[in-house]
Amino acid sequence: GPLWERPLLEVRLGELHTWISTCSFSAQGLLGAVQRAWSSFCAKYIHVKQGGPAGLSMLLAGYCLLSYGWNYQHFSKNSLGSLV
């Protein structure tokens, strides 16, 4: 697509000065850029439509770490008593 429609991460280093010169630095242009960035962030991290084993495994790993944290004193007392 045209250079002015590309996001910053798709612009090559040699095209950067041309891309910056096509940007609008008015209040409306900056507001539009912030809205596009927010929409992109939401689409990538918040409104994720795909599921699978990764989400379930992260949930399970978080539960294991939280459970270990809750029972840490119990584990450490037992381990110290068995060493003495």
N, C-alpha and C. Protein backbone atom coordinates (compact mmCIF):
# COMPACT_ATOMS: atom_id res chain seq x y z
N GLY A 1 0.80 -1.18 0.00
CA GLY A 1 0.00 0.00 0.00
C GLY A 1 0.85 1.25 0.00
N PRO A 2 0.18 2.38 -0.06
CA PRO A 2 0.90 3.65 -0.04
C PRO A 2 1.68 3.82 1.27
N LEU A 3 2.72 4.60 1.19
CA LEU A 3 3.60 4.78 2.34
C LEU A 3 2.88 5.39 3.52
N TRP A 4 1.99 6.34 3.30
CA TRP A 4 1.32 7.03 4.41
C TRP A 4 0.30 6.14 5.12
N GLU A 5 -0.11 5.02 4.52
CA GLU A 5 -1.06 4.11 5.16
C GLU A 5 -0.38 3.04 6.01
N ARG A 6 0.92 2.87 5.84
CA ARG A 6 1.64 1.83 6.58
C ARG A 6 1.83 2.22 8.04
N PRO A 7 1.73 1.22 8.94
CA PRO A 7 2.08 1.50 10.33
C PRO A 7 3.59 1.68 10.47
N LEU A 8 4.00 2.27 11.56
CA LEU A 8 5.42 2.60 11.77
C LEU A 8 6.31 1.36 11.70
N LEU A 9 5.85 0.23 12.23
CA LEU A 9 6.70 -0.96 12.26
C LEU A 9 6.89 -1.59 10.89
N GLU A 10 6.10 -1.19 9.89
CA GLU A 10 6.25 -1.73 8.54
C GLU A 10 7.04 -0.80 7.63
N VAL A 11 7.47 0.34 8.15
CA VAL A 11 8.25 1.30 7.37
C VAL A 11 9.72 0.95 7.47
N ARG A 12 10.38 0.91 6.32
CA ARG A 12 11.82 0.63 6.32
C ARG A 12 12.60 1.86 6.78
N LEU A 13 13.81 1.64 7.23
CA LEU A 13 14.62 2.72 7.78
C LEU A 13 14.88 3.81 6.74
N GLY A 14 15.09 3.44 5.49
CA GLY A 14 15.33 4.43 4.44
C GLY A 14 14.09 5.24 4.10
N GLU A 15 12.92 4.70 4.37
CA GLU A 15 11.67 5.40 4.07
C GLU A 15 11.14 6.20 5.25
N LEU A 16 11.84 6.16 6.39
CA LEU A 16 11.33 6.77 7.61
C LEU A 16 11.14 8.28 7.48
N HIS A 17 12.10 8.99 6.90
CA HIS A 17 11.97 10.45 6.78
C HIS A 17 10.81 10.83 5.86
N THR A 18 10.57 10.05 4.81
CA THR A 18 9.44 10.30 3.92
C THR A 18 8.13 10.00 4.63
N TRP A 19 8.10 8.92 5.41
CA TRP A 19 6.88 8.55 6.14
C TRP A 19 6.52 9.62 7.16
N ILE A 20 7.52 10.15 7.87
CA ILE A 20 7.27 11.19 8.87
C ILE A 20 6.75 12.46 8.20
N SER A 21 7.26 12.77 7.01
CA SER A 21 6.81 13.99 6.33
C SER A 21 5.37 13.86 5.83
N THR A 22 4.86 12.64 5.67
CA THR A 22 3.47 12.46 5.24
C THR A 22 2.51 12.44 6.41
N CYS A 23 3.01 12.38 7.63
CA CYS A 23 2.14 12.34 8.81
C CYS A 23 1.54 13.72 9.08
N SER A 24 0.34 13.71 9.60
CA SER A 24 -0.34 14.95 9.97
C SER A 24 -0.13 15.18 11.46
N PHE A 25 0.47 16.32 11.79
CA PHE A 25 0.73 16.64 13.19
C PHE A 25 -0.28 17.63 13.76
N SER A 26 -1.43 17.73 13.12
CA SER A 26 -2.50 18.56 13.66
C SER A 26 -3.17 17.82 14.80
N ALA A 27 -4.04 18.50 15.51
CA ALA A 27 -4.74 17.86 16.63
C ALA A 27 -5.60 16.70 16.14
N GLN A 28 -6.26 16.87 15.01
CA GLN A 28 -7.11 15.80 14.47
C GLN A 28 -6.26 14.62 13.99
N GLY A 29 -5.11 14.91 13.38
CA GLY A 29 -4.23 13.84 12.93
C GLY A 29 -3.65 13.04 14.09
N LEU A 30 -3.25 13.74 15.15
CA LEU A 30 -2.72 13.05 16.32
C LEU A 30 -3.79 12.23 17.03
N LEU A 31 -5.01 12.78 17.11
CA LEU A 31 -6.11 12.04 17.71
C LEU A 31 -6.43 10.77 16.91
N GLY A 32 -6.39 10.88 15.59
CA GLY A 32 -6.61 9.71 14.75
C GLY A 32 -5.54 8.66 14.94
N ALA A 33 -4.29 9.09 15.10
CA ALA A 33 -3.19 8.15 15.32
C ALA A 33 -3.35 7.44 16.66
N VAL A 34 -3.77 8.17 17.68
CA VAL A 34 -3.98 7.55 18.99
C VAL A 34 -5.14 6.55 18.92
N GLN A 35 -6.20 6.89 18.21
CA GLN A 35 -7.33 5.96 18.07
C GLN A 35 -6.93 4.70 17.33
N ARG A 36 -6.13 4.85 16.25
CA ARG A 36 -5.67 3.67 15.51
C ARG A 36 -4.76 2.80 16.38
N ALA A 37 -3.90 3.43 17.16
CA ALA A 37 -3.01 2.67 18.03
C ALA A 37 -3.81 1.92 19.09
N TRP A 38 -4.81 2.56 19.68
CA TRP A 38 -5.64 1.92 20.69
C TRP A 38 -6.42 0.75 20.09
N SER A 39 -6.97 0.94 18.90
CA SER A 39 -7.72 -0.13 18.24
C SER A 39 -6.81 -1.32 17.94
N SER A 40 -5.61 -1.03 17.49
CA SER A 40 -4.65 -2.10 17.21
C SER A 40 -4.28 -2.85 18.47
N PHE A 41 -4.05 -2.13 19.57
CA PHE A 41 -3.73 -2.75 20.85
C PHE A 41 -4.87 -3.66 21.32
N CYS A 42 -6.10 -3.14 21.24
CA CYS A 42 -7.25 -3.93 21.68
C CYS A 42 -7.42 -5.18 20.83
N ALA A 43 -7.24 -5.04 19.52
CA ALA A 43 -7.40 -6.18 18.62
C ALA A 43 -6.35 -7.25 18.90
N LYS A 44 -5.15 -6.83 19.27
CA LYS A 44 -4.07 -7.79 19.46
C LYS A 44 -4.09 -8.44 20.84
N TYR A 45 -4.41 -7.67 21.89
CA TYR A 45 -4.26 -8.19 23.25
C TYR A 45 -5.55 -8.37 24.03
N ILE A 46 -6.61 -7.66 23.70
CA ILE A 46 -7.81 -7.71 24.52
C ILE A 46 -8.92 -8.51 23.86
N HIS A 47 -9.21 -8.23 22.60
CA HIS A 47 -10.31 -8.90 21.91
C HIS A 47 -9.80 -10.10 21.12
N VAL A 48 -9.12 -10.99 21.78
CA VAL A 48 -8.54 -12.16 21.12
C VAL A 48 -9.64 -13.20 20.92
N LYS A 49 -9.82 -13.64 19.71
CA LYS A 49 -10.89 -14.58 19.41
C LYS A 49 -10.40 -16.03 19.38
N GLN A 50 -9.12 -16.23 19.43
CA GLN A 50 -8.61 -17.59 19.35
C GLN A 50 -8.39 -18.17 20.74
N GLY A 51 -8.68 -19.40 20.87
CA GLY A 51 -8.45 -20.08 22.13
C GLY A 51 -7.49 -21.23 21.89
N GLY A 52 -7.41 -22.10 22.82
CA GLY A 52 -6.55 -23.24 22.62
C GLY A 52 -5.83 -23.65 23.89
N PRO A 53 -4.87 -24.53 23.76
CA PRO A 53 -4.18 -25.06 24.93
C PRO A 53 -3.28 -24.03 25.61
N ALA A 54 -2.85 -23.00 24.91
CA ALA A 54 -1.95 -22.01 25.52
C ALA A 54 -2.65 -21.27 26.66
N GLY A 55 -3.87 -20.83 26.43
CA GLY A 55 -4.60 -20.12 27.48
C GLY A 55 -4.87 -20.99 28.68
N LEU A 56 -5.25 -22.23 28.43
CA LEU A 56 -5.53 -23.16 29.51
C LEU A 56 -4.26 -23.49 30.29
N SER A 57 -3.16 -23.66 29.60
CA SER A 57 -1.91 -23.98 30.30
C SER A 57 -1.41 -22.78 31.11
N MET A 58 -1.61 -21.56 30.61
CA MET A 58 -1.24 -20.39 31.39
C MET A 58 -2.09 -20.28 32.64
N LEU A 59 -3.37 -20.58 32.52
CA LEU A 59 -4.26 -20.55 33.68
C LEU A 59 -3.83 -21.60 34.71
N LEU A 60 -3.51 -22.78 34.26
CA LEU A 60 -3.08 -23.85 35.15
C LEU A 60 -1.74 -23.50 35.82
N ALA A 61 -0.81 -22.95 35.07
CA ALA A 61 0.49 -22.56 35.64
C ALA A 61 0.31 -21.46 36.68
N GLY A 62 -0.56 -20.51 36.40
CA GLY A 62 -0.84 -19.45 37.37
C GLY A 62 -1.45 -19.99 38.63
N TYR A 63 -2.36 -20.95 38.50
CA TYR A 63 -2.97 -21.58 39.68
C TYR A 63 -1.92 -22.31 40.50
N CYS A 64 -1.02 -23.01 39.84
CA CYS A 64 0.04 -23.75 40.57
C CYS A 64 0.95 -22.79 41.33
N LEU A 65 1.35 -21.69 40.69
CA LEU A 65 2.21 -20.72 41.36
C LEU A 65 1.49 -20.05 42.53
N LEU A 66 0.22 -19.72 42.34
CA LEU A 66 -0.55 -19.10 43.41
C LEU A 66 -0.74 -20.06 44.57
N SER A 67 -1.02 -21.31 44.28
CA SER A 67 -1.20 -22.31 45.32
C SER A 67 0.10 -22.54 46.09
N TYR A 68 1.22 -22.59 45.38
CA TYR A 68 2.50 -22.76 46.04
C TYR A 68 2.79 -21.56 46.95
N GLY A 69 2.47 -20.36 46.47
CA GLY A 69 2.68 -19.16 47.27
C GLY A 69 1.86 -19.17 48.54
N TRP A 70 0.63 -19.63 48.46
CA TRP A 70 -0.22 -19.68 49.64
C TRP A 70 0.30 -20.70 50.66
N ASN A 71 0.86 -21.80 50.19
CA ASN A 71 1.30 -22.87 51.07
C ASN A 71 2.81 -22.84 51.32
N TYR A 72 3.49 -21.76 51.01
CA TYR A 72 4.94 -21.72 51.11
C TYR A 72 5.43 -21.94 52.54
N GLN A 73 4.79 -21.31 53.52
CA GLN A 73 5.22 -21.47 54.91
C GLN A 73 5.06 -22.92 55.35
N HIS A 74 3.99 -23.55 54.91
CA HIS A 74 3.77 -24.95 55.27
C HIS A 74 4.88 -25.82 54.68
N PHE A 75 5.24 -25.58 53.42
CA PHE A 75 6.30 -26.36 52.79
C PHE A 75 7.64 -26.10 53.45
N SER A 76 7.94 -24.85 53.77
CA SER A 76 9.26 -24.54 54.34
C SER A 76 9.39 -25.10 55.76
N LYS A 77 8.32 -25.14 56.53
CA LYS A 77 8.40 -25.73 57.88
C LYS A 77 8.64 -27.21 57.79
N ASN A 78 7.99 -27.88 56.87
CA ASN A 78 8.18 -29.34 56.73
C ASN A 78 9.59 -29.66 56.25
N SER A 79 10.13 -28.84 55.33
CA SER A 79 11.45 -29.13 54.81
C SER A 79 12.52 -28.88 55.88
N LEU A 80 12.34 -27.86 56.72
CA LEU A 80 13.30 -27.60 57.79
C LEU A 80 13.25 -28.69 58.86
N GLY A 81 12.08 -29.20 59.16
CA GLY A 81 11.96 -30.24 60.16
C GLY A 81 12.56 -31.55 59.71
N SER A 82 12.52 -31.84 58.42
CA SER A 82 13.07 -33.11 57.95
C SER A 82 14.59 -33.07 57.87
N LEU A 83 15.18 -31.85 57.77
CA LEU A 83 16.63 -31.74 57.69
C LEU A 83 17.29 -31.88 59.04
N VAL A 84 16.58 -31.56 60.12
CA VAL A 84 17.18 -31.57 61.46
C VAL A 84 17.07 -32.92 62.08
